[in-house]
C-alpha atoms as a PDB file:
ATOM      1  CA  MET A   1     161.941  87.535 409.228  1.00  0.00           C
ATOM      2  CA  ARG A   2     160.532  88.191 405.953  1.00  0.00           C
ATOM      3  CA  GLU A   3     162.248  86.701 402.948  1.00  0.00           C
ATOM      4  CA  LEU A   4     163.270  88.948 400.187  1.00  0.00           C
ATOM      5  CA  GLU A   5     161.035  88.887 397.247  1.00  0.00           C
ATOM      6  CA  PHE A   6     164.086  88.902 394.657  1.00  0.00           C
ATOM      7  CA  LEU A   7     165.353  85.490 396.142  1.00  0.00           C
ATOM      8  CA  PRO A   8     164.757  82.628 393.965  1.00  0.00           C
ATOM      9  CA  GLU A   9     162.169  79.860 394.660  1.00  0.00           C
ATOM     10  CA  ASP A  10     164.855  77.126 394.734  1.00  0.00           C
ATOM     11  CA  TYR A  11     166.958  79.158 397.518  1.00  0.00           C
ATOM     12  CA  LEU A  12     164.148  79.530 399.572  1.00  0.00           C
ATOM     13  CA  ARG A  13     163.201  75.703 399.580  1.00  0.00           C
ATOM     14  CA  ALA A  14     166.708  74.828 400.113  1.00  0.00           C
ATOM     15  CA  ARG A  15     166.714  77.140 403.274  1.00  0.00           C
ATOM     16  CA  PHE A  16     163.540  75.532 404.289  1.00  0.00           C
ATOM     17  CA  GLN A  17     164.932  71.952 403.750  1.00  0.00           C
ATOM     18  CA  ARG A  18     168.249  73.036 405.830  1.00  0.00           C
ATOM     19  CA  ARG A  19     166.151  74.144 408.649  1.00  0.00           C
ATOM     20  CA  ILE A  20     164.327  70.965 408.580  1.00  0.00           C
ATOM     21  CA  GLY A  21     167.403  68.920 408.392  1.00  0.00           C
ATOM     22  CA  PHE A  22     168.927  70.869 411.526  1.00  0.00           C
ATOM     23  CA  ILE A  23     165.917  70.090 413.468  1.00  0.00           C
ATOM     24  CA  ARG A  24     165.929  66.680 412.668  1.00  0.00           C
ATOM     25  CA  SER A  25     169.479  66.351 413.513  1.00  0.00           C
ATOM     26  CA  TRP A  26     168.965  67.815 416.876  1.00  0.00           C
ATOM     27  CA  LEU A  27     165.933  65.438 417.522  1.00  0.00           C
ATOM     28  CA  LEU A  28     167.672  62.346 416.452  1.00  0.00           C
ATOM     29  CA  LEU A  29     170.628  63.290 418.733  1.00  0.00           C
ATOM     30  CA  ALA A  30     168.318  64.075 421.573  1.00  0.00           C
ATOM     31  CA  ILE A  31     166.684  60.364 421.054  1.00  0.00           C
ATOM     32  CA  GLY A  32     170.039  59.044 420.591  1.00  0.00           C
ATOM     33  CA  LEU A  33     171.044  60.425 423.941  1.00  0.00           C
ATOM     34  CA  ALA A  34     167.906  59.250 425.785  1.00  0.00           C
ATOM     35  CA  MET A  35     168.399  55.671 424.395  1.00  0.00           C
ATOM     36  CA  VAL A  36     171.952  55.648 425.526  1.00  0.00           C
ATOM     37  CA  LEU A  37     171.270  56.870 429.200  1.00  0.00           C
ATOM     38  CA  TYR A  38     168.143  54.657 429.267  1.00  0.00           C
ATOM     39  CA  SER A  39     170.483  51.534 428.377  1.00  0.00           C
ATOM     40  CA  LEU A  40     173.118  52.590 431.104  1.00  0.00           C
ATOM     41  CA  GLN A  41     170.155  52.753 433.552  1.00  0.00           C
ATOM     42  CA  MET A  42     168.950  49.240 432.230  1.00  0.00           C
ATOM     43  CA  GLY A  43     172.437  47.992 432.905  1.00  0.00           C
ATOM     44  CA  THR A  44     172.496  49.172 436.387  1.00  0.00           C
ATOM     45  CA  TRP A  45     168.853  47.856 437.100  1.00  0.00           C
ATOM     46  CA  VAL A  46     170.159  44.236 435.660  1.00  0.00           C
ATOM     47  CA  ARG A  47     173.593  44.390 437.653  1.00  0.00           C
ATOM     48  CA  ASP A  48     171.275  44.918 440.929  1.00  0.00           C
ATOM     49  CA  ALA A  49     168.931  42.225 440.127  1.00  0.00           C
ATOM     50  CA  ARG A  50     171.839  39.946 439.643  1.00  0.00           C
ATOM     51  CA  ALA A  51     173.497  40.812 442.779  1.00  0.00           C
ATOM     52  CA  GLU A  52     170.188  40.403 444.695  1.00  0.00           C
ATOM     53  CA  LEU A  53     169.602  37.017 442.978  1.00  0.00           C
ATOM     54  CA  GLN A  54     173.062  35.832 444.008  1.00  0.00           C
ATOM     55  CA  ALA A  55     172.576  36.788 447.309  1.00  0.00           C
ATOM     56  CA  LEU A  56     168.950  35.123 447.489  1.00  0.00           C
ATOM     57  CA  GLN A  57     170.500  31.855 446.235  1.00  0.00           C
ATOM     58  CA  GLY A  58     172.660  31.292 449.361  1.00  0.00           C
ATOM     59  CA  THR A  59     169.923  31.740 451.596  1.00  0.00           C
ATOM     60  CA  GLY A  60     167.554  28.845 450.887  1.00  0.00           C
ATOM     61  CA  THR A  61     169.554  26.556 452.887  1.00  0.00           C
ATOM     62  CA  ALA A  62     170.030  28.991 455.934  1.00  0.00           C
ATOM     63  CA  VAL A  63     166.192  29.362 455.823  1.00  0.00           C
ATOM     64  CA  GLU A  64     165.475  25.457 455.662  1.00  0.00           C
ATOM     65  CA  ALA A  65     166.772  25.245 459.430  1.00  0.00           C
ATOM     66  CA  ASP A  66     164.301  27.922 460.419  1.00  0.00           C
ATOM     67  CA  VAL A  67     161.520  26.335 458.545  1.00  0.00           C
ATOM     68  CA  GLU A  68     162.085  22.824 459.995  1.00  0.00           C
ATOM     69  CA  LYS A  69     162.196  24.688 463.361  1.00  0.00           C
ATOM     70  CA  VAL A  70     158.756  26.222 462.830  1.00  0.00           C
ATOM     71  CA  SER A  71     157.083  23.090 461.774  1.00  0.00           C
ATOM     72  CA  ARG A  72     158.510  21.388 464.645  1.00  0.00           C
ATOM     73  CA  LEU A  73     157.071  24.088 466.810  1.00  0.00           C
ATOM     74  CA  ARG A  74     153.746  23.721 465.276  1.00  0.00           C
ATOM     75  CA  GLU A  75     153.445  20.169 465.919  1.00  0.00           C
ATOM     76  CA  GLU A  76     154.183  20.571 469.454  1.00  0.00           C
ATOM     77  CA  ALA A  77     151.648  23.300 470.082  1.00  0.00           C
ATOM     78  CA  LYS A  78     149.163  20.900 468.350  1.00  0.00           C
ATOM     79  CA  THR A  79     150.180  18.088 470.663  1.00  0.00           C
ATOM     80  CA  TYR A  80     149.916  20.355 473.647  1.00  0.00           C
ATOM     81  CA  ASN A  81     146.469  21.711 472.513  1.00  0.00           C
ATOM     82  CA  GLU A  82     145.164  18.201 472.184  1.00  0.00           C
ATOM     83  CA  ARG A  83     146.523  17.521 475.749  1.00  0.00           C
ATOM     84  CA  ILE A  84     144.786  20.576 477.163  1.00  0.00           C
ATOM     85  CA  ALA A  85     141.413  19.561 475.263  1.00  0.00           C
ATOM     86  CA  ARG A  86     141.586  16.254 476.824  1.00  0.00           C
ATOM     87  CA  PHE A  87     142.293  17.611 480.475  1.00  0.00           C
ATOM     88  CA  GLU A  88     139.293  20.151 479.839  1.00  0.00           C
ATOM     89  CA  MET A  89     137.194  16.957 479.085  1.00  0.00           C
ATOM     90  CA  LEU A  90     138.024  15.307 482.187  1.00  0.00           C
ATOM     91  CA  ARG A  91     137.694  18.391 484.352  1.00  0.00           C
ATOM     92  CA  PRO A  92     134.267  19.052 485.896  1.00  0.00           C
ATOM     93  CA  ARG A  93     132.662  22.163 484.319  1.00  0.00           C
ATOM     94  CA  ALA A  94     131.799  23.517 487.670  1.00  0.00           C
ATOM     95  CA  SER A  95     133.412  22.462 491.251  1.00  0.00           C
ATOM     96  CA  VAL A  96     130.920  21.439 494.093  1.00  0.00           C
ATOM     97  CA  THR A  97     131.969  24.641 495.997  1.00  0.00           C
ATOM     98  CA  ALA A  98     131.127  26.955 493.366  1.00  0.00           C
ATOM     99  CA  LEU A  99     127.643  25.454 492.664  1.00  0.00           C
ATOM    100  CA  LEU A 100     127.291  25.659 496.404  1.00  0.00           C
ATOM    101  CA  ALA A 101     128.212  29.329 496.707  1.00  0.00           C
ATOM    102  CA  ASP A 102     125.650  29.932 493.783  1.00  0.00           C
ATOM    103  CA  VAL A 103     122.779  28.010 495.524  1.00  0.00           C
ATOM    104  CA  VAL A 104     123.524  29.778 498.680  1.00  0.00           C
ATOM    105  CA  GLY A 105     123.648  33.191 496.880  1.00  0.00           C
ATOM    106  CA  SER A 106     120.405  32.722 495.085  1.00  0.00           C
ATOM    107  CA  LEU A 107     118.132  31.491 498.053  1.00  0.00           C
ATOM    108  CA  PRO A 108     116.005  34.080 499.639  1.00  0.00           C
ATOM    109  CA  ASP A 109     115.888  34.787 503.467  1.00  0.00           C
ATOM    110  CA  GLY A 110     113.655  32.254 505.513  1.00  0.00           C
ATOM    111  CA  VAL A 111     115.141  29.245 503.489  1.00  0.00           C
ATOM    112  CA  CYS A 112     117.524  26.789 505.398  1.00  0.00           C
ATOM    113  CA  LEU A 113     119.306  24.362 503.452  1.00  0.00           C
ATOM    114  CA  GLU A 114     119.621  20.861 504.466  1.00  0.00           C
ATOM    115  CA  HIS A 115     121.147  18.787 501.985  1.00  0.00           C
ATOM    116  CA  LEU A 116     122.599  19.387 498.620  1.00  0.00           C
ATOM    117  CA  GLU A 117     123.486  16.690 496.038  1.00  0.00           C
ATOM    118  CA  VAL A 118     125.152  17.306 492.643  1.00  0.00           C
ATOM    119  CA  VAL A 119     124.312  14.466 489.937  1.00  0.00           C
ATOM    120  CA  TRP A 120     126.989  14.236 487.184  1.00  0.00           C
ATOM    121  CA  PRO A 121     126.101  12.622 484.229  1.00  0.00           C
ATOM    122  CA  THR A 122     128.006   9.330 483.221  1.00  0.00           C
ATOM    123  CA  GLN A 123     131.063   9.247 480.768  1.00  0.00           C
ATOM    124  CA  ALA A 124     128.547   7.881 478.077  1.00  0.00           C
ATOM    125  CA  ALA A 125     125.764  10.363 478.406  1.00  0.00           C
ATOM    126  CA  GLU A 126     126.449  13.847 477.499  1.00  0.00           C
ATOM    127  CA  GLY A 127     124.375  16.518 479.357  1.00  0.00           C
ATOM    128  CA  ALA A 128     124.931  18.956 482.210  1.00  0.00           C
ATOM    129  CA  PRO A 129     124.940  17.921 485.947  1.00  0.00           C
ATOM    130  CA  THR A 130     121.644  18.338 488.029  1.00  0.00           C
ATOM    131  CA  VAL A 131     121.521  20.047 491.588  1.00  0.00           C
ATOM    132  CA  ARG A 132     119.164  18.245 494.139  1.00  0.00           C
ATOM    133  CA  LEU A 133     118.168  20.836 497.018  1.00  0.00           C
ATOM    134  CA  GLU A 134     116.550  19.541 500.149  1.00  0.00           C
ATOM    135  CA  GLY A 135     115.516  22.255 503.015  1.00  0.00           C
ATOM    136  CA  LYS A 136     113.410  24.152 505.154  1.00  0.00           C
ATOM    137  CA  ALA A 137     111.307  27.350 504.545  1.00  0.00           C
ATOM    138  CA  ARG A 138     109.302  29.360 506.683  1.00  0.00           C
ATOM    139  CA  GLY A 139     106.232  29.190 504.309  1.00  0.00           C
ATOM    140  CA  GLU A 140     105.077  28.416 500.831  1.00  0.00           C
ATOM    141  CA  ARG A 141     105.809  31.797 499.609  1.00  0.00           C
ATOM    142  CA  GLU A 142     109.473  31.442 500.523  1.00  0.00           C
ATOM    143  CA  VAL A 143     109.679  27.981 498.539  1.00  0.00           C
ATOM    144  CA  THR A 144     108.206  29.798 495.544  1.00  0.00           C
ATOM    145  CA  ARG A 145     110.684  32.549 495.765  1.00  0.00           C
ATOM    146  CA  ALA A 146     113.678  29.981 496.168  1.00  0.00           C
ATOM    147  CA  VAL A 147     112.287  28.356 492.850  1.00  0.00           C
ATOM    148  CA  ALA A 148     112.123  31.668 491.047  1.00  0.00           C
ATOM    149  CA  ARG A 149     115.484  32.950 492.269  1.00  0.00           C
ATOM    150  CA  LEU A 150     117.231  29.550 491.154  1.00  0.00           C
ATOM    151  CA  ASP A 151     115.363  29.694 487.904  1.00  0.00           C
ATOM    152  CA  VAL A 152     116.596  33.365 487.067  1.00  0.00           C
ATOM    153  CA  SER A 153     120.187  32.660 488.140  1.00  0.00           C
ATOM    154  CA  PRO A 154     122.637  32.476 485.415  1.00  0.00           C
ATOM    155  CA  ARG A 155     123.888  29.163 486.635  1.00  0.00           C
ATOM    156  CA  PHE A 156     120.769  27.011 486.947  1.00  0.00           C
ATOM    157  CA  ASP A 157     117.959  26.375 484.367  1.00  0.00           C
ATOM    158  CA  GLN A 158     114.874  24.293 484.517  1.00  0.00           C
ATOM    159  CA  THR A 159     114.339  24.595 488.165  1.00  0.00           C
ATOM    160  CA  ILE A 160     111.377  22.140 489.334  1.00  0.00           C
ATOM    161  CA  LEU A 161     109.738  21.953 492.747  1.00  0.00           C
ATOM    162  CA  VAL A 162     109.926  18.137 493.531  1.00  0.00           C
ATOM    163  CA  GLU A 163     108.071  18.318 496.748  1.00  0.00           C
ATOM    164  CA  SER A 164     106.745  20.791 499.187  1.00  0.00           C
ATOM    165  CA  ARG A 165     104.833  19.669 502.452  1.00  0.00           C
ATOM    166  CA  LEU A 166     104.508  20.901 506.047  1.00  0.00           C
ATOM    167  CA  ALA A 167     107.345  20.132 508.320  1.00  0.00           C
ATOM    168  CA  ASP A 168     105.017  18.868 511.217  1.00  0.00           C
ATOM    169  CA  GLU A 169     101.271  18.403 512.008  1.00  0.00           C
ATOM    170  CA  THR A 170     101.656  21.265 514.993  1.00  0.00           C
ATOM    171  CA  GLY A 171     100.093  23.868 512.641  1.00  0.00           C
ATOM    172  CA  SER A 172     103.288  25.912 511.854  1.00  0.00           C
ATOM    173  CA  ALA A 173     103.697  27.259 508.454  1.00  0.00           C
ATOM    174  CA  ILE A 174     107.455  25.594 508.339  1.00  0.00           C
ATOM    175  CA  ARG A 175     107.779  23.608 505.108  1.00  0.00           C
ATOM    176  CA  THR A 176     110.272  20.947 503.878  1.00  0.00           C
ATOM    177  CA  PHE A 177     110.838  21.038 500.207  1.00  0.00           C
ATOM    178  CA  GLY A 178     112.616  19.437 497.563  1.00  0.00           C
ATOM    179  CA  LEU A 179     114.267  21.246 494.422  1.00  0.00           C
ATOM    180  CA  GLU A 180     116.097  20.304 491.275  1.00  0.00           C
ATOM    181  CA  ALA A 181     117.818  22.204 488.634  1.00  0.00           C
ATOM    182  CA  ILE A 182     120.233  21.729 485.845  1.00  0.00           C
ATOM    183  CA  VAL A 183     123.483  23.354 486.023  1.00  0.00           C
ATOM    184  CA  VAL A 184     124.278  25.562 483.126  1.00  0.00           C
ATOM    185  CA  GLU A 185     127.749  25.398 481.591  1.00  0.00           C
ATOM    186  CA  GLN A 186     129.832  28.419 482.084  1.00  0.00           C
ATOM    187  CA  ASP A 187     132.686  29.028 479.439  1.00  0.00           C
ATOM    188  CA  GLY A 188     134.775  31.478 481.343  1.00  0.00           C
ATOM    189  CA  ARG A 189     134.851  29.378 484.682  1.00  0.00           C
ATOM    190  CA  GLN A 190     135.259  32.772 486.459  1.00  0.00           C
ATOM    191  CA  GLY A 191     135.487  32.213 490.276  1.00  0.00           C
ATOM    192  CA  GLU A 192     136.637  28.899 490.012  1.00  0.00           C
END
């Protein structure tokens, strides 16, 4: 609304100041009300925090028994794990029957196994056991195939031919042979 031109200048200034004062008082009232509400909310938060603190102060003694139980269980688990590790060190990595099954599965047709010996390393010496085989084959080709098949087997490594000779002097192709192979340790111990 336009001010009338005939009103004095002091009156117009006073009217403007009253409006500013009215707006200031409403702003102060709103800020004051907000501060009161904030202080009430802070009081609620403080009460809740104190209640939680009092609830937690008594739980320390109740939890101590559980902490002791957990530490005792950890010590028992450590003891059992050490026992299992000692037992695993004493147990052979491969049984003779499992080695025999792997040898028989690796030998080709035309090869007859006559002797199998597993040489286990001594307690002081670390190493893998060695398998020594003796047998007869129809010919030199079967002996070569036996060496090759044992060498590619996942259970054996470094297969060597120790000897290969004719079984008799009659002119037949039957040969006697001797092989050695190192047993590869299998972590899973499947089939044992």
